Protein backbone atom coordinates (compact mmCIF):
# COMPACT_ATOMS: atom_id res chain seq x y z
CA MET A 1 -72.45 26.75 38.10
CA GLU A 2 -73.46 24.66 34.69
CA ILE A 3 -73.21 26.59 31.53
CA GLU A 4 -75.55 24.77 29.04
CA PHE A 5 -75.97 24.95 25.07
CA ASN A 6 -78.57 24.40 23.05
CA GLU A 7 -77.53 21.93 19.84
CA SER A 8 -76.80 25.15 17.62
CA GLU A 9 -74.57 26.69 20.10
CA GLY A 10 -72.55 23.34 20.94
CA GLU A 11 -71.95 21.71 17.12
CA CYS A 12 -70.34 25.78 17.07
CA PHE A 13 -68.49 25.30 19.98
CA GLU A 14 -67.32 22.06 18.89
CA ASP A 15 -66.06 23.25 15.59
CA ILE A 16 -64.59 26.12 17.44
CA ILE A 17 -62.15 23.83 19.70
CA LYS A 18 -61.34 21.80 16.63
CA LEU A 19 -60.20 25.04 14.36
CA TYR A 20 -58.30 25.95 18.60
CA LEU A 21 -56.53 22.95 18.98
CA LYS A 22 -55.44 22.99 14.97
CA SER A 23 -54.23 26.75 15.70
CA LYS A 24 -52.64 26.65 18.65
CA GLU A 25 -50.52 23.65 17.06
CA LEU A 26 -49.55 25.95 13.97
CA MET A 27 -48.87 28.86 16.58
CA LEU A 28 -46.76 27.38 18.65
CA TYR A 29 -44.61 25.59 15.68
CA ALA A 30 -43.86 28.99 14.06
CA GLU A 31 -43.00 30.51 17.39
CA GLU A 32 -40.74 27.19 17.57
CA ILE A 33 -39.12 27.71 13.82
CA GLY A 34 -39.28 30.99 13.45
CA ASP A 35 -37.84 32.10 16.82
CA GLU A 36 -40.92 34.59 17.65
CA SER A 37 -44.77 35.06 17.49
CA PHE A 38 -46.27 36.16 14.42
CA LEU A 39 -48.09 39.30 15.88
CA PRO A 40 -51.02 38.78 13.61
CA ALA A 41 -52.22 35.98 14.18
CA THR A 42 -52.18 36.56 17.94
CA GLU A 43 -53.93 39.46 17.16
CA GLU A 44 -56.50 36.90 15.50
CA PHE A 45 -56.27 35.12 18.63
CA ARG A 46 -57.28 37.89 21.12
CA HIS A 47 -60.08 38.38 18.96
CA ALA A 48 -61.50 34.84 19.50
CA PHE A 49 -61.17 34.69 22.77
CA ASP A 50 -63.13 38.18 23.04
CA HIS A 51 -65.78 36.40 21.51
CA LEU A 52 -66.14 33.18 23.51
CA MET A 53 -65.83 35.02 26.59
CA ARG A 54 -68.82 37.38 25.89
CA VAL A 55 -70.58 34.04 25.23
CA PHE A 56 -69.79 33.02 28.85
CA ALA A 57 -70.30 36.16 30.00
CA PHE A 58 -73.76 35.71 28.02
CA LYS A 59 -74.32 32.12 29.36
CA LEU A 60 -73.57 32.76 32.91
CA GLY A 61 -75.67 35.84 33.36
CA PHE A 62 -73.39 38.55 32.95
CA LYS A 63 -74.20 39.76 29.91
CA SER A 64 -77.94 39.99 28.20
CA GLY A 65 -78.89 39.15 24.91
CA ASN A 66 -81.40 37.49 23.26
CA ASP A 67 -81.86 34.10 22.30
CA ASP A 68 -79.19 33.99 19.07
CA TYR A 69 -77.08 35.92 21.07
CA ALA A 70 -73.77 32.49 21.60
CA ILE A 71 -73.84 31.69 17.80
CA LYS A 72 -73.66 35.70 17.10
CA ASN A 73 -70.31 35.66 18.86
CA PHE A 74 -69.41 32.10 18.04
CA ASN A 75 -69.24 32.42 14.13
CA PRO A 76 -66.63 35.56 14.28
CA GLY A 77 -65.03 33.94 17.29
CA TYR A 78 -64.55 30.82 14.89
CA ARG A 79 -63.69 33.56 11.63
CA HIS A 80 -61.01 35.07 13.82
CA LEU A 81 -59.63 31.64 14.34
CA TYR A 82 -59.22 30.82 11.09
CA ARG A 83 -57.92 33.81 9.76
CA ALA A 84 -54.93 33.25 12.50
CA ALA A 85 -54.81 29.54 10.94
CA TYR A 86 -54.34 30.66 7.45
CA ASN A 87 -51.60 33.29 8.42
CA LEU A 88 -49.89 30.61 10.42
CA LEU A 89 -49.78 28.21 7.50
CA ASP A 90 -48.05 31.87 5.59
CA PHE A 91 -45.62 32.27 7.52
CA LEU A 92 -44.50 28.61 8.22
CA ARG A 93 -44.60 28.59 4.16
CA ILE A 94 -42.01 31.34 4.15
CA ILE A 95 -39.87 30.60 6.74
CA PHE A 96 -39.62 27.07 5.55
CA LYS A 97 -38.84 28.77 1.76
CA ASP A 98 -35.99 30.94 3.19
CA LYS A 99 -34.61 28.21 5.68
CA VAL A 100 -34.67 25.62 2.83
CA TYR A 101 -32.84 28.35 0.05
CA GLY A 102 -30.50 29.29 3.12
CA GLU A 103 -29.18 25.89 3.72
CA LEU A 104 -28.32 25.00 0.68
CA LYS A 105 -26.80 28.11 -0.26
CA GLY A 106 -23.16 28.46 -1.27
CA PHE A 107 -23.40 24.93 -2.57
CA SER A 108 -22.69 24.11 -5.97
CA GLY A 109 -25.45 22.28 -8.41
CA LYS A 110 -22.89 19.89 -9.54
CA THR A 111 -22.90 18.86 -5.35
CA LEU A 112 -26.44 18.90 -4.92
CA VAL A 113 -26.79 16.70 -7.99
CA GLU A 114 -24.60 14.43 -6.95
CA ILE A 115 -25.47 14.13 -2.99
CA PHE A 116 -28.86 15.42 -3.01
CA PRO A 117 -30.91 14.95 -6.61
CA LYS A 118 -34.54 15.39 -5.39
CA TYR A 119 -33.64 18.87 -4.64
CA TYR A 120 -33.93 19.32 -8.44
CA HIS A 121 -36.18 17.18 -9.26
CA GLU A 122 -38.67 17.68 -6.93
CA ILE A 123 -37.51 19.84 -4.22
CA LYS A 124 -37.32 22.87 -6.14
CA PRO A 125 -40.54 22.40 -8.32
CA PHE A 126 -42.22 22.37 -5.98
CA ILE A 127 -40.88 25.07 -4.08
CA GLU A 128 -41.34 27.51 -7.44
CA ILE A 129 -44.04 25.91 -9.31
CA ASP A 130 -46.50 23.92 -7.82
CA VAL A 131 -46.12 25.99 -4.13
CA PRO A 132 -47.16 29.27 -5.62
CA LYS A 133 -50.29 27.78 -8.11
CA GLU A 134 -51.69 25.47 -5.34
CA VAL A 135 -51.19 28.54 -2.56
CA SER A 136 -52.77 31.37 -4.81
CA LYS A 137 -55.88 29.09 -5.84
CA LEU A 138 -56.56 28.14 -1.89
CA ARG A 139 -55.49 32.12 -0.85
CA SER A 140 -57.57 33.22 -3.65
CA GLU A 141 -60.92 30.56 -2.91
CA LYS A 142 -60.39 31.21 0.76
CA ASP A 143 -64.06 31.80 2.39
CA ILE A 144 -65.16 31.66 6.04
CA GLY A 145 -68.90 31.61 4.60
CA LYS A 146 -67.92 28.36 3.06
CA ASN A 147 -66.45 27.04 6.40
CA THR A 148 -63.65 25.33 3.98
CA GLN A 149 -61.87 23.19 6.39
CA LYS A 150 -60.83 21.31 3.31
CA ASP A 151 -58.72 24.06 2.68
CA LEU A 152 -57.24 25.12 5.08
CA ASP A 153 -56.15 20.83 5.44
CA LYS A 154 -54.96 21.31 1.82
CA TYR A 155 -52.52 24.38 2.96
CA THR A 156 -51.56 22.55 6.21
CA GLU A 157 -50.39 19.52 3.50
CA ILE A 158 -48.65 21.79 1.75
CA VAL A 159 -46.79 23.37 4.52
CA GLU A 160 -46.18 19.86 6.27
CA ARG A 161 -44.80 18.84 2.75
CA PHE A 162 -41.99 22.01 2.87
CA MET A 163 -41.18 21.05 6.42
CA THR A 164 -40.08 17.43 5.47
CA TYR A 165 -37.90 18.44 2.64
CA TYR A 166 -36.00 20.74 5.31
CA GLU A 167 -35.80 18.29 7.27
CA GLU A 168 -34.37 16.02 5.09
CA ILE A 169 -32.15 18.83 3.92
CA LEU A 170 -30.79 19.47 7.61
CA ARG A 171 -30.25 15.39 7.26
CA ILE A 172 -28.03 14.94 4.52
CA LYS A 173 -26.64 18.70 4.90
CA PRO A 174 -23.41 17.25 6.41
CA SER A 175 -22.83 14.56 3.61
CA VAL A 176 -22.69 17.60 1.24
CA ALA A 177 -20.80 19.42 3.38
CA ALA A 178 -17.92 16.99 3.29
CA ILE A 179 -18.11 17.44 -0.61
């Protein structure tokens, strides 16, 4: 049995697939780094899946609906995945902030300046100044009606920068501990 989508439905489905792949990657990474599943995002995935199953049930004749039934379910499915991605980015940002501070806890400022000067010049200002300003701006402008993939990408870049700093700290920590 073959499922056919009109052009508009096909575009919606393609957007959902792209967002799903990104969100799924974030979900798996968050589970690895956070040592647990993040329930709010899991719930959004469940809701998105429900909307997609409605589309397939309609397309396969198990459910009736009018011509725009698929689009009316693709759109909320996309919104659920969009919220899941934002939830996961929030979760990862908080985890990385805690991990960065946790890894450096107990080291004196003098030690950090000698071994890891980047911490005070780049990392700490990023965490304390840049991130709150950027994330609050992104979150306040978040609007699924605008389908702002660019904002989601910007937030992903912020979290990836956190990840890079955390990895740098893990690599340099043995030399700091040796002092």
